[in-house]
Each structure stands twice: as structure tokens, then as C-alpha cells.
Amino acid sequence: QVQLVESGGGSVQAGGSLRLSCAASEVTVSTNCMGWFRQVPGKGREAVARITTYGVTLYADSVKGRFTISRDTAKNTLFLQMDSLKPEDTAVYLCAASSFSCSFNYWGQGTQVTVSS
């Protein structure tokens, strides 16, 4: 059974940084398309960043240049380094994994990120 467990969320002031982690089991982060999404109550789920099987990274325009997605093969963990955080980055951040292509059919429970001005 695929499990994705996020950690690293918290509260930070604008301009600060956080690093999110997603520990994966029963899915290999280095050979599957992995991604980070975020969700705000009352709004749809937004794709933040993804890393493909071949290591290609894609980012939402709103986070380009501030966020970096990466993976640690040995730890089978996905990361999201978030710098220069803004209040509009406040959301629940979810890790997602794919069983094929970038289907994102497996999801973690999410971790809250709150950025105050």
C-alpha cells in the first residue's frame, strides 16, 4: 500500500523559508513522477511543482525562482524547498505520487504552511 507522509510545515513570516519532506513507501520517488500541490479552503487544488521520472522539473508561475523540488533516492523522500515565502503561499501542501506517467493517483494527508505578513 502506497504511503506518503509529509512533514516540515509550520508558521513563518513573509520572506522566510521552509523545507517540506515527503517520505514515501511502496513507491519509488526516483522512478515515478512526483509532485507537490497546495489547497486553500474554498479553492481548488493547485499544482505547485513536479519532478518527472527523467528528473525534469516543472513549477507553477507563482513559485518559479522561489521553490525547488528535489528527491533523495537513498531516503526515498521528496522535498520542496520554499524560499522568499509570501502570505499567498499559505495553504495545505500535499505530496503526490504516480503509478504511471504523471497521473498523481496517490496522495499524502498534507502539511499546513502559514505565512504571516
PDB file of N, CA and C in Angstrom:
ATOM      1  N   GLN A   1       0.851  -1.191   0.000  1.00  0.00           N
ATOM      2  CA  GLN A   1       0.000   0.000   0.000  1.00  0.00           C
ATOM      3  C   GLN A   1       0.888   1.243   0.000  1.00  0.00           C
ATOM      4  N   VAL A   2       0.657   2.122  -0.960  1.00  0.00           N
ATOM      5  CA  VAL A   2       1.455   3.341  -1.063  1.00  0.00           C
ATOM      6  C   VAL A   2       1.130   4.277   0.093  1.00  0.00           C
ATOM      7  N   GLN A   3       2.196   4.778   0.706  1.00  0.00           N
ATOM      8  CA  GLN A   3       2.018   5.769   1.772  1.00  0.00           C
ATOM      9  C   GLN A   3       2.931   6.954   1.509  1.00  0.00           C
ATOM     10  N   LEU A   4       2.379   8.145   1.676  1.00  0.00           N
ATOM     11  CA  LEU A   4       3.130   9.385   1.533  1.00  0.00           C
ATOM     12  C   LEU A   4       2.898  10.199   2.797  1.00  0.00           C
ATOM     13  N   VAL A   5       3.975  10.514   3.496  1.00  0.00           N
ATOM     14  CA  VAL A   5       3.851  11.228   4.765  1.00  0.00           C
ATOM     15  C   VAL A   5       4.632  12.531   4.683  1.00  0.00           C
ATOM     16  N   GLU A   6       3.893  13.633   4.712  1.00  0.00           N
ATOM     17  CA  GLU A   6       4.520  14.951   4.632  1.00  0.00           C
ATOM     18  C   GLU A   6       4.925  15.454   6.009  1.00  0.00           C
ATOM     19  N   SER A   7       5.943  16.276   6.035  1.00  0.00           N
ATOM     20  CA  SER A   7       6.369  16.941   7.263  1.00  0.00           C
ATOM     21  C   SER A   7       7.093  18.224   6.894  1.00  0.00           C
ATOM     22  N   GLY A   8       7.323  19.075   7.889  1.00  0.00           N
ATOM     23  CA  GLY A   8       8.094  20.290   7.673  1.00  0.00           C
ATOM     24  C   GLY A   8       7.274  21.555   7.580  1.00  0.00           C
ATOM     25  N   GLY A   9       5.958  21.430   7.602  1.00  0.00           N
ATOM     26  CA  GLY A   9       5.132  22.628   7.564  1.00  0.00           C
ATOM     27  C   GLY A   9       5.234  23.410   8.867  1.00  0.00           C
ATOM     28  N   GLY A  10       4.642  24.588   8.878  1.00  0.00           N
ATOM     29  CA  GLY A  10       4.663  25.404  10.065  1.00  0.00           C
ATOM     30  C   GLY A  10       4.294  26.837   9.759  1.00  0.00           C
ATOM     31  N   SER A  11       4.586  27.713  10.706  1.00  0.00           N
ATOM     32  CA  SER A  11       4.293  29.135  10.560  1.00  0.00           C
ATOM     33  C   SER A  11       5.595  29.911  10.408  1.00  0.00           C
ATOM     34  N   VAL A  12       5.590  30.830   9.481  1.00  0.00           N
ATOM     35  CA  VAL A  12       6.793  31.622   9.195  1.00  0.00           C
ATOM     36  C   VAL A  12       6.374  33.002   8.745  1.00  0.00           C
ATOM     37  N   GLN A  13       7.243  33.970   8.934  1.00  0.00           N
ATOM     38  CA  GLN A  13       6.961  35.318   8.460  1.00  0.00           C
ATOM     39  C   GLN A  13       7.315  35.434   6.984  1.00  0.00           C
ATOM     40  N   ALA A  14       6.688  36.388   6.336  1.00  0.00           N
ATOM     41  CA  ALA A  14       6.970  36.644   4.924  1.00  0.00           C
ATOM     42  C   ALA A  14       8.464  36.857   4.728  1.00  0.00           C
ATOM     43  N   GLY A  15       8.980  36.264   3.670  1.00  0.00           N
ATOM     44  CA  GLY A  15      10.406  36.337   3.392  1.00  0.00           C
ATOM     45  C   GLY A  15      11.187  35.161   3.945  1.00  0.00           C
ATOM     46  N   GLY A  16      10.558  34.380   4.788  1.00  0.00           N
ATOM     47  CA  GLY A  16      11.219  33.235   5.394  1.00  0.00           C
ATOM     48  C   GLY A  16      11.230  32.013   4.502  1.00  0.00           C
ATOM     49  N   SER A  17      11.744  30.917   5.065  1.00  0.00           N
ATOM     50  CA  SER A  17      11.887  29.674   4.306  1.00  0.00           C
ATOM     51  C   SER A  17      11.363  28.489   5.107  1.00  0.00           C
ATOM     52  N   LEU A  18      10.919  27.481   4.387  1.00  0.00           N
ATOM     53  CA  LEU A  18      10.548  26.195   4.954  1.00  0.00           C
ATOM     54  C   LEU A  18      10.970  25.117   3.984  1.00  0.00           C
ATOM     55  N   ARG A  19      11.233  23.939   4.520  1.00  0.00           N
ATOM     56  CA  ARG A  19      11.537  22.784   3.677  1.00  0.00           C
ATOM     57  C   ARG A  19      10.572  21.663   4.017  1.00  0.00           C
ATOM     58  N   LEU A  20       9.770  21.297   3.048  1.00  0.00           N
ATOM     59  CA  LEU A  20       8.825  20.210   3.219  1.00  0.00           C
ATOM     60  C   LEU A  20       9.460  18.892   2.783  1.00  0.00           C
ATOM     61  N   SER A  21       9.091  17.829   3.492  1.00  0.00           N
ATOM     62  CA  SER A  21       9.555  16.494   3.145  1.00  0.00           C
ATOM     63  C   SER A  21       8.356  15.584   2.934  1.00  0.00           C
ATOM     64  N   CYS A  22       8.541  14.610   2.082  1.00  0.00           N
ATOM     65  CA  CYS A  22       7.506  13.616   1.824  1.00  0.00           C
ATOM     66  C   CYS A  22       8.185  12.245   1.803  1.00  0.00           C
ATOM     67  N   ALA A  23       8.003  11.506   2.885  1.00  0.00           N
ATOM     68  CA  ALA A  23       8.577  10.161   2.974  1.00  0.00           C
ATOM     69  C   ALA A  23       7.640   9.186   2.287  1.00  0.00           C
ATOM     70  N   ALA A  24       8.170   8.447   1.323  1.00  0.00           N
ATOM     71  CA  ALA A  24       7.342   7.552   0.515  1.00  0.00           C
ATOM     72  C   ALA A  24       7.641   6.093   0.827  1.00  0.00           C
ATOM     73  N   SER A  25       6.588   5.287   0.784  1.00  0.00           N
ATOM     74  CA  SER A  25       6.757   3.840   0.898  1.00  0.00           C
ATOM     75  C   SER A  25       5.886   3.175  -0.150  1.00  0.00           C
ATOM     76  N   GLU A  26       6.377   2.041  -0.676  1.00  0.00           N
ATOM     77  CA  GLU A  26       5.708   1.274  -1.731  1.00  0.00           C
ATOM     78  C   GLU A  26       5.621   2.053  -3.040  1.00  0.00           C
ATOM     79  N   VAL A  27       6.360   3.125  -3.170  1.00  0.00           N
ATOM     80  CA  VAL A  27       6.508   3.843  -4.434  1.00  0.00           C
ATOM     81  C   VAL A  27       7.890   4.475  -4.412  1.00  0.00           C
ATOM     82  N   THR A  28       8.576   4.394  -5.528  1.00  0.00           N
ATOM     83  CA  THR A  28       9.953   4.874  -5.581  1.00  0.00           C
ATOM     84  C   THR A  28       9.984   6.287  -6.150  1.00  0.00           C
ATOM     85  N   VAL A  29      10.476   7.238  -5.365  1.00  0.00           N
ATOM     86  CA  VAL A  29      10.421   8.645  -5.793  1.00  0.00           C
ATOM     87  C   VAL A  29      11.303   8.906  -7.009  1.00  0.00           C
ATOM     88  N   SER A  30      12.331   8.074  -7.198  1.00  0.00           N
ATOM     89  CA  SER A  30      13.253   8.345  -8.293  1.00  0.00           C
ATOM     90  C   SER A  30      12.785   7.786  -9.621  1.00  0.00           C
ATOM     91  N   THR A  31      11.820   6.874  -9.605  1.00  0.00           N
ATOM     92  CA  THR A  31      11.370   6.262 -10.852  1.00  0.00           C
ATOM     93  C   THR A  31       9.904   6.518 -11.142  1.00  0.00           C
ATOM     94  N   ASN A  32       9.305   7.377 -10.392  1.00  0.00           N
ATOM     95  CA  ASN A  32       7.914   7.756 -10.623  1.00  0.00           C
ATOM     96  C   ASN A  32       7.792   9.280 -10.615  1.00  0.00           C
ATOM     97  N   CYS A  33       6.811   9.769 -11.343  1.00  0.00           N
ATOM     98  CA  CYS A  33       6.545  11.207 -11.360  1.00  0.00           C
ATOM     99  C   CYS A  33       5.977  11.604  -9.997  1.00  0.00           C
ATOM    100  N   MET A  34       6.600  12.597  -9.368  1.00  0.00           N
ATOM    101  CA  MET A  34       6.208  13.036  -8.036  1.00  0.00           C
ATOM    102  C   MET A  34       5.881  14.534  -8.082  1.00  0.00           C
ATOM    103  N   GLY A  35       5.009  14.967  -7.192  1.00  0.00           N
ATOM    104  CA  GLY A  35       4.658  16.372  -7.217  1.00  0.00           C
ATOM    105  C   GLY A  35       4.210  16.914  -5.873  1.00  0.00           C
ATOM    106  N   TRP A  36       4.180  18.224  -5.809  1.00  0.00           N
ATOM    107  CA  TRP A  36       3.618  18.947  -4.670  1.00  0.00           C
ATOM    108  C   TRP A  36       2.447  19.794  -5.163  1.00  0.00           C
ATOM    109  N   PHE A  37       1.380  19.740  -4.413  1.00  0.00           N
ATOM    110  CA  PHE A  37       0.196  20.535  -4.684  1.00  0.00           C
ATOM    111  C   PHE A  37      -0.135  21.318  -3.418  1.00  0.00           C
ATOM    112  N   ARG A  38      -1.003  22.311  -3.547  1.00  0.00           N
ATOM    113  CA  ARG A  38      -1.456  23.031  -2.363  1.00  0.00           C
ATOM    114  C   ARG A  38      -2.941  23.342  -2.492  1.00  0.00           C
ATOM    115  N   GLN A  39      -3.567  23.456  -1.340  1.00  0.00           N
ATOM    116  CA  GLN A  39      -5.002  23.685  -1.334  1.00  0.00           C
ATOM    117  C   GLN A  39      -5.360  24.666  -0.229  1.00  0.00           C
ATOM    118  N   VAL A  40      -6.198  25.619  -0.595  1.00  0.00           N
ATOM    119  CA  VAL A  40      -6.734  26.605   0.330  1.00  0.00           C
ATOM    120  C   VAL A  40      -8.225  26.344   0.453  1.00  0.00           C
ATOM    121  N   PRO A  41      -8.790  26.384   1.660  1.00  0.00           N
ATOM    122  CA  PRO A  41     -10.238  26.160   1.815  1.00  0.00           C
ATOM    123  C   PRO A  41     -11.045  27.039   0.877  1.00  0.00           C
ATOM    124  N   GLY A  42     -11.992  26.419   0.172  1.00  0.00           N
ATOM    125  CA  GLY A  42     -12.846  27.166  -0.736  1.00  0.00           C
ATOM    126  C   GLY A  42     -12.275  27.331  -2.127  1.00  0.00           C
ATOM    127  N   LYS A  43     -11.033  26.862  -2.322  1.00  0.00           N
ATOM    128  CA  LYS A  43     -10.406  26.955  -3.651  1.00  0.00           C
ATOM    129  C   LYS A  43      -9.993  25.577  -4.120  1.00  0.00           C
ATOM    130  N   GLY A  44      -9.751  25.471  -5.393  1.00  0.00           N
ATOM    131  CA  GLY A  44      -9.324  24.206  -5.965  1.00  0.00           C
ATOM    132  C   GLY A  44      -7.890  23.873  -5.616  1.00  0.00           C
ATOM    133  N   ARG A  45      -7.499  22.649  -5.863  1.00  0.00           N
ATOM    134  CA  ARG A  45      -6.129  22.211  -5.611  1.00  0.00           C
ATOM    135  C   ARG A  45      -5.229  22.755  -6.718  1.00  0.00           C
ATOM    136  N   GLU A  46      -4.118  23.328  -6.308  1.00  0.00           N
ATOM    137  CA  GLU A  46      -3.200  23.956  -7.262  1.00  0.00           C
ATOM    138  C   GLU A  46      -1.908  23.161  -7.351  1.00  0.00           C
ATOM    139  N   ALA A  47      -1.470  22.880  -8.561  1.00  0.00           N
ATOM    140  CA  ALA A  47      -0.183  22.222  -8.750  1.00  0.00           C
ATOM    141  C   ALA A  47       0.934  23.221  -8.478  1.00  0.00           C
ATOM    142  N   VAL A  48       1.882  22.835  -7.660  1.00  0.00           N
ATOM    143  CA  VAL A  48       2.987  23.720  -7.293  1.00  0.00           C
ATOM    144  C   VAL A  48       4.264  23.353  -8.049  1.00  0.00           C
ATOM    145  N   ALA A  49       4.609  22.079  -8.004  1.00  0.00           N
ATOM    146  CA  ALA A  49       5.846  21.641  -8.655  1.00  0.00           C
ATOM    147  C   ALA A  49       5.773  20.137  -8.887  1.00  0.00           C
ATOM    148  N   ARG A  50       6.498  19.679  -9.900  1.00  0.00           N
ATOM    149  CA  ARG A  50       6.581  18.254 -10.174  1.00  0.00           C
ATOM    150  C   ARG A  50       7.987  17.917 -10.655  1.00  0.00           C
ATOM    151  N   ILE A  51       8.344  16.673 -10.449  1.00  0.00           N
ATOM    152  CA  ILE A  51       9.598  16.170 -10.983  1.00  0.00           C
ATOM    153  C   ILE A  51       9.285  14.840 -11.656  1.00  0.00           C
ATOM    154  N   THR A  52       9.664  14.721 -12.914  1.00  0.00           N
ATOM    155  CA  THR A  52       9.313  13.538 -13.690  1.00  0.00           C
ATOM    156  C   THR A  52      10.313  12.410 -13.463  1.00  0.00           C
ATOM    157  N   THR A  53      10.020  11.286 -14.059  1.00  0.00           N
ATOM    158  CA  THR A  53      10.894  10.122 -13.969  1.00  0.00           C
ATOM    159  C   THR A  53      12.309  10.469 -14.446  1.00  0.00           C
ATOM    160  N   TYR A  54      12.387  11.360 -15.440  1.00  0.00           N
ATOM    161  CA  TYR A  54      13.682  11.711 -16.015  1.00  0.00           C
ATOM    162  C   TYR A  54      14.340  12.893 -15.315  1.00  0.00           C
ATOM    163  N   GLY A  55      13.718  13.351 -14.229  1.00  0.00           N
ATOM    164  CA  GLY A  55      14.312  14.438 -13.470  1.00  0.00           C
ATOM    165  C   GLY A  55      13.964  15.831 -13.951  1.00  0.00           C
ATOM    166  N   VAL A  56      13.044  15.908 -14.903  1.00  0.00           N
ATOM    167  CA  VAL A  56      12.614  17.217 -15.388  1.00  0.00           C
ATOM    168  C   VAL A  56      11.701  17.841 -14.344  1.00  0.00           C
ATOM    169  N   THR A  57      11.960  19.090 -14.020  1.00  0.00           N
ATOM    170  CA  THR A  57      11.155  19.788 -13.016  1.00  0.00           C
ATOM    171  C   THR A  57      10.278  20.859 -13.666  1.00  0.00           C
ATOM    172  N   LEU A  58       9.100  20.985 -13.138  1.00  0.00           N
ATOM    173  CA  LEU A  58       8.157  21.995 -13.630  1.00  0.00           C
ATOM    174  C   LEU A  58       7.569  22.714 -12.426  1.00  0.00           C
ATOM    175  N   TYR A  59       7.367  24.027 -12.573  1.00  0.00           N
ATOM    176  CA  TYR A  59       6.859  24.826 -11.462  1.00  0.00           C
ATOM    177  C   TYR A  59       5.693  25.699 -11.910  1.00  0.00           C
ATOM    178  N   ALA A  60       4.814  25.967 -10.974  1.00  0.00           N
ATOM    179  CA  ALA A  60       3.781  26.962 -11.206  1.00  0.00           C
ATOM    180  C   ALA A  60       4.454  28.326 -11.338  1.00  0.00           C
ATOM    181  N   ASP A  61       3.893  29.175 -12.171  1.00  0.00           N
ATOM    182  CA  ASP A  61       4.482  30.508 -12.370  1.00  0.00           C
ATOM    183  C   ASP A  61       4.593  31.262 -11.049  1.00  0.00           C
ATOM    184  N   SER A  62       3.657  31.025 -10.156  1.00  0.00           N
ATOM    185  CA  SER A  62       3.613  31.770  -8.894  1.00  0.00           C
ATOM    186  C   SER A  62       4.765  31.425  -7.951  1.00  0.00           C
ATOM    187  N   VAL A  63       5.441  30.300  -8.193  1.00  0.00           N
ATOM    188  CA  VAL A  63       6.518  29.890  -7.284  1.00  0.00           C
ATOM    189  C   VAL A  63       7.879  29.795  -7.978  1.00  0.00           C
ATOM    190  N   LYS A  64       7.919  30.010  -9.279  1.00  0.00           N
ATOM    191  CA  LYS A  64       9.187  29.914 -10.011  1.00  0.00           C
ATOM    192  C   LYS A  64      10.230  30.857  -9.415  1.00  0.00           C
ATOM    193  N   GLY A  65      11.426  30.319  -9.228  1.00  0.00           N
ATOM    194  CA  GLY A  65      12.505  31.118  -8.680  1.00  0.00           C
ATOM    195  C   GLY A  65      12.517  31.172  -7.166  1.00  0.00           C
ATOM    196  N   ARG A  66      11.465  30.681  -6.525  1.00  0.00           N
ATOM    197  CA  ARG A  66      11.386  30.692  -5.060  1.00  0.00           C
ATOM    198  C   ARG A  66      11.353  29.289  -4.471  1.00  0.00           C
ATOM    199  N   PHE A  67      10.734  28.353  -5.163  1.00  0.00           N
ATOM    200  CA  PHE A  67      10.586  26.978  -4.676  1.00  0.00           C
ATOM    201  C   PHE A  67      11.468  26.046  -5.505  1.00  0.00           C
ATOM    202  N   THR A  68      11.958  24.999  -4.851  1.00  0.00           N
ATOM    203  CA  THR A  68      12.765  23.992  -5.536  1.00  0.00           C
ATOM    204  C   THR A  68      12.322  22.597  -5.107  1.00  0.00           C
ATOM    205  N   ILE A  69      11.971  21.777  -6.080  1.00  0.00           N
ATOM    206  CA  ILE A  69      11.589  20.386  -5.805  1.00  0.00           C
ATOM    207  C   ILE A  69      12.817  19.505  -6.026  1.00  0.00           C
ATOM    208  N   SER A  70      12.986  18.524  -5.158  1.00  0.00           N
ATOM    209  CA  SER A  70      14.125  17.609  -5.300  1.00  0.00           C
ATOM    210  C   SER A  70      13.764  16.275  -4.661  1.00  0.00           C
ATOM    211  N   ARG A  71      14.627  15.294  -4.849  1.00  0.00           N
ATOM    212  CA  ARG A  71      14.359  13.983  -4.273  1.00  0.00           C
ATOM    213  C   ARG A  71      15.654  13.356  -3.811  1.00  0.00           C
ATOM    214  N   ASP A  72      15.552  12.536  -2.780  1.00  0.00           N
ATOM    215  CA  ASP A  72      16.689  11.790  -2.245  1.00  0.00           C
ATOM    216  C   ASP A  72      16.413  10.316  -2.476  1.00  0.00           C
ATOM    217  N   THR A  73      17.167   9.728  -3.370  1.00  0.00           N
ATOM    218  CA  THR A  73      16.932   8.331  -3.740  1.00  0.00           C
ATOM    219  C   THR A  73      17.180   7.397  -2.564  1.00  0.00           C
ATOM    220  N   ALA A  74      18.248   7.640  -1.832  1.00  0.00           N
ATOM    221  CA  ALA A  74      18.601   6.758  -0.715  1.00  0.00           C
ATOM    222  C   ALA A  74      17.537   6.764   0.372  1.00  0.00           C
ATOM    223  N   LYS A  75      16.950   7.939   0.616  1.00  0.00           N
ATOM    224  CA  LYS A  75      15.931   8.046   1.660  1.00  0.00           C
ATOM    225  C   LYS A  75      14.520   7.861   1.111  1.00  0.00           C
ATOM    226  N   ASN A  76      14.433   7.746  -0.230  1.00  0.00           N
ATOM    227  CA  ASN A  76      13.116   7.638  -0.886  1.00  0.00           C
ATOM    228  C   ASN A  76      12.174   8.746  -0.411  1.00  0.00           C
ATOM    229  N   THR A  77      12.687   9.950  -0.460  1.00  0.00           N
ATOM    230  CA  THR A  77      11.972  11.112   0.053  1.00  0.00           C
ATOM    231  C   THR A  77      11.957  12.243  -0.972  1.00  0.00           C
ATOM    232  N   LEU A  78      10.847  12.899  -1.055  1.00  0.00           N
ATOM    233  CA  LEU A  78      10.672  14.059  -1.929  1.00  0.00           C
ATOM    234  C   LEU A  78      10.730  15.321  -1.058  1.00  0.00           C
ATOM    235  N   PHE A  79      11.308  16.379  -1.599  1.00  0.00           N
ATOM    236  CA  PHE A  79      11.434  17.631  -0.850  1.00  0.00           C
ATOM    237  C   PHE A  79      10.856  18.800  -1.645  1.00  0.00           C
ATOM    238  N   LEU A  80      10.491  19.830  -0.898  1.00  0.00           N
ATOM    239  CA  LEU A  80      10.133  21.104  -1.508  1.00  0.00           C
ATOM    240  C   LEU A  80      10.763  22.199  -0.656  1.00  0.00           C
ATOM    241  N   GLN A  81      11.802  22.816  -1.192  1.00  0.00           N
ATOM    242  CA  GLN A  81      12.439  23.948  -0.524  1.00  0.00           C
ATOM    243  C   GLN A  81      11.690  25.204  -0.926  1.00  0.00           C
ATOM    244  N   MET A  82      11.186  25.916   0.065  1.00  0.00           N
ATOM    245  CA  MET A  82      10.392  27.108  -0.194  1.00  0.00           C
ATOM    246  C   MET A  82      11.094  28.313   0.411  1.00  0.00           C
ATOM    247  N   ASP A  83      11.523  29.218  -0.432  1.00  0.00           N
ATOM    248  CA  ASP A  83      12.210  30.433  -0.008  1.00  0.00           C
ATOM    249  C   ASP A  83      11.383  31.653  -0.374  1.00  0.00           C
ATOM    250  N   SER A  84      11.727  32.785   0.244  1.00  0.00           N
ATOM    251  CA  SER A  84      11.025  34.047  -0.029  1.00  0.00           C
ATOM    252  C   SER A  84       9.513  33.860   0.041  1.00  0.00           C
ATOM    253  N   LEU A  85       9.070  33.228   1.097  1.00  0.00           N
ATOM    254  CA  LEU A  85       7.646  32.909   1.225  1.00  0.00           C
ATOM    255  C   LEU A  85       6.801  34.165   1.330  1.00  0.00           C
ATOM    256  N   LYS A  86       5.615  34.063   0.773  1.00  0.00           N
ATOM    257  CA  LYS A  86       4.650  35.170   0.756  1.00  0.00           C
ATOM    258  C   LYS A  86       3.372  34.728   1.462  1.00  0.00           C
ATOM    259  N   PRO A  87       2.593  35.658   1.983  1.00  0.00           N
ATOM    260  CA  PRO A  87       1.325  35.281   2.619  1.00  0.00           C
ATOM    261  C   PRO A  87       0.417  34.465   1.698  1.00  0.00           C
ATOM    262  N   GLU A  88       0.479  34.733   0.410  1.00  0.00           N
ATOM    263  CA  GLU A  88      -0.364  33.982  -0.529  1.00  0.00           C
ATOM    264  C   GLU A  88       0.101  32.540  -0.729  1.00  0.00           C
ATOM    265  N   ASP A  89       1.224  32.171  -0.150  1.00  0.00           N
ATOM    266  CA  ASP A  89       1.662  30.777  -0.176  1.00  0.00           C
ATOM    267  C   ASP A  89       1.005  29.958   0.932  1.00  0.00           C
ATOM    268  N   THR A  90       0.259  30.615   1.809  1.00  0.00           N
ATOM    269  CA  THR A  90      -0.423  29.906   2.889  1.00  0.00           C
ATOM    270  C   THR A  90      -1.411  28.895   2.325  1.00  0.00           C
ATOM    271  N   ALA A  91      -1.271  27.637   2.743  1.00  0.00           N
ATOM    272  CA  ALA A  91      -2.105  26.553   2.222  1.00  0.00           C
ATOM    273  C   ALA A  91      -1.722  25.254   2.913  1.00  0.00           C
ATOM    274  N   VAL A  92      -2.510  24.234   2.654  1.00  0.00           N
ATOM    275  CA  VAL A  92      -2.108  22.870   2.987  1.00  0.00           C
ATOM    276  C   VAL A  92      -1.352  22.327   1.777  1.00  0.00           C
ATOM    277  N   TYR A  93      -0.154  21.846   2.012  1.00  0.00           N
ATOM    278  CA  TYR A  93       0.678  21.320   0.939  1.00  0.00           C
ATOM    279  C   TYR A  93       0.627  19.795   0.955  1.00  0.00           C
ATOM    280  N   LEU A  94       0.342  19.240  -0.213  1.00  0.00           N
ATOM    281  CA  LEU A  94       0.190  17.791  -0.344  1.00  0.00           C
ATOM    282  C   LEU A  94       1.216  17.229  -1.306  1.00  0.00           C
ATOM    283  N   CYS A  95       1.726  16.088  -0.931  1.00  0.00           N
ATOM    284  CA  CYS A  95       2.648  15.334  -1.776  1.00  0.00           C
ATOM    285  C   CYS A  95       1.826  14.343  -2.598  1.00  0.00           C
ATOM    286  N   ALA A  96       2.231  14.131  -3.848  1.00  0.00           N
ATOM    287  CA  ALA A  96       1.519  13.199  -4.714  1.00  0.00           C
ATOM    288  C   ALA A  96       2.497  12.338  -5.484  1.00  0.00           C
ATOM    289  N   ALA A  97       2.109  11.094  -5.707  1.00  0.00           N
ATOM    290  CA  ALA A  97       2.919  10.148  -6.476  1.00  0.00           C
ATOM    291  C   ALA A  97       2.069   9.535  -7.577  1.00  0.00           C
ATOM    292  N   SER A  98       2.772   9.009  -8.578  1.00  0.00           N
ATOM    293  CA  SER A  98       2.074   8.463  -9.737  1.00  0.00           C
ATOM    294  C   SER A  98       2.465   7.014  -9.957  1.00  0.00           C
ATOM    295  N   SER A  99       1.502   6.193 -10.343  1.00  0.00           N
ATOM    296  CA  SER A  99       1.789   4.808 -10.708  1.00  0.00           C
ATOM    297  C   SER A  99       2.118   4.698 -12.190  1.00  0.00           C
ATOM    298  N   PHE A 100       1.730   5.698 -12.972  1.00  0.00           N
ATOM    299  CA  PHE A 100       2.075   5.742 -14.386  1.00  0.00           C
ATOM    300  C   PHE A 100       2.024   7.190 -14.835  1.00  0.00           C
ATOM    301  N   SER A 101       2.917   7.532 -15.769  1.00  0.00           N
ATOM    302  CA  SER A 101       3.012   8.904 -16.278  1.00  0.00           C
ATOM    303  C   SER A 101       3.002   9.875 -15.093  1.00  0.00           C
ATOM    304  N   CYS A 102       2.333  10.984 -15.187  1.00  0.00           N
ATOM    305  CA  CYS A 102       2.154  11.909 -14.064  1.00  0.00           C
ATOM    306  C   CYS A 102       0.678  11.919 -13.699  1.00  0.00           C
ATOM    307  N   SER A 103       0.184  10.765 -13.339  1.00  0.00           N
ATOM    308  CA  SER A 103      -1.230  10.585 -13.027  1.00  0.00           C
ATOM    309  C   SER A 103      -1.597  11.097 -11.641  1.00  0.00           C
ATOM    310  N   PHE A 104      -0.600  11.171 -10.751  1.00  0.00           N
ATOM    311  CA  PHE A 104      -0.815  11.649  -9.372  1.00  0.00           C
ATOM    312  C   PHE A 104      -2.039  10.980  -8.769  1.00  0.00           C
ATOM    313  N   ASN A 105      -2.006   9.678  -8.706  1.00  0.00           N
ATOM    314  CA  ASN A 105      -3.116   8.921  -8.155  1.00  0.00           C
ATOM    315  C   ASN A 105      -2.922   8.510  -6.699  1.00  0.00           C
ATOM    316  N   TYR A 106      -1.803   8.899  -6.108  1.00  0.00           N
ATOM    317  CA  TYR A 106      -1.594   8.653  -4.684  1.00  0.00           C
ATOM    318  C   TYR A 106      -1.311   9.994  -3.991  1.00  0.00           C
ATOM    319  N   TRP A 107      -1.899  10.153  -2.805  1.00  0.00           N
ATOM    320  CA  TRP A 107      -1.803  11.439  -2.113  1.00  0.00           C
ATOM    321  C   TRP A 107      -1.470  11.265  -0.645  1.00  0.00           C
ATOM    322  N   GLY A 108      -0.722  12.221  -0.116  1.00  0.00           N
ATOM    323  CA  GLY A 108      -0.493  12.277   1.305  1.00  0.00           C
ATOM    324  C   GLY A 108      -1.611  13.054   1.981  1.00  0.00           C
ATOM    325  N   GLN A 109      -1.510  13.178   3.299  1.00  0.00           N
ATOM    326  CA  GLN A 109      -2.539  13.862   4.076  1.00  0.00           C
ATOM    327  C   GLN A 109      -2.354  15.373   4.070  1.00  0.00           C
ATOM    328  N   GLY A 110      -1.141  15.817   3.817  1.00  0.00           N
ATOM    329  CA  GLY A 110      -0.903  17.255   3.754  1.00  0.00           C
ATOM    330  C   GLY A 110      -0.249  17.815   5.000  1.00  0.00           C
ATOM    331  N   THR A 111       0.404  18.952   4.827  1.00  0.00           N
ATOM    332  CA  THR A 111       1.015  19.666   5.940  1.00  0.00           C
ATOM    333  C   THR A 111       0.719  21.152   5.767  1.00  0.00           C
ATOM    334  N   GLN A 112       0.358  21.790   6.860  1.00  0.00           N
ATOM    335  CA  GLN A 112      -0.066  23.191   6.810  1.00  0.00           C
ATOM    336  C   GLN A 112       1.141  24.121   6.773  1.00  0.00           C
ATOM    337  N   VAL A 113       1.080  25.082   5.870  1.00  0.00           N
ATOM    338  CA  VAL A 113       2.073  26.154   5.800  1.00  0.00           C
ATOM    339  C   VAL A 113       1.335  27.473   5.957  1.00  0.00           C
ATOM    340  N   THR A 114       1.758  28.258   6.924  1.00  0.00           N
ATOM    341  CA  THR A 114       1.133  29.554   7.175  1.00  0.00           C
ATOM    342  C   THR A 114       2.200  30.641   7.134  1.00  0.00           C
ATOM    343  N   VAL A 115       1.998  31.628   6.268  1.00  0.00           N
ATOM    344  CA  VAL A 115       2.956  32.714   6.113  1.00  0.00           C
ATOM    345  C   VAL A 115       2.272  34.009   6.533  1.00  0.00           C
ATOM    346  N   SER A 116       2.821  34.667   7.528  1.00  0.00           N
ATOM    347  CA  SER A 116       2.234  35.908   8.017  1.00  0.00           C
ATOM    348  C   SER A 116       2.996  37.110   7.473  1.00  0.00           C
ATOM    349  N   SER A 117       2.270  38.196   7.307  1.00  0.00           N
ATOM    350  CA  SER A 117       2.883  39.411   6.743  1.00  0.00           C
ATOM    351  C   SER A 117       3.510  40.260   7.826  1.00  0.00           C
TER     352      SER A 117
END
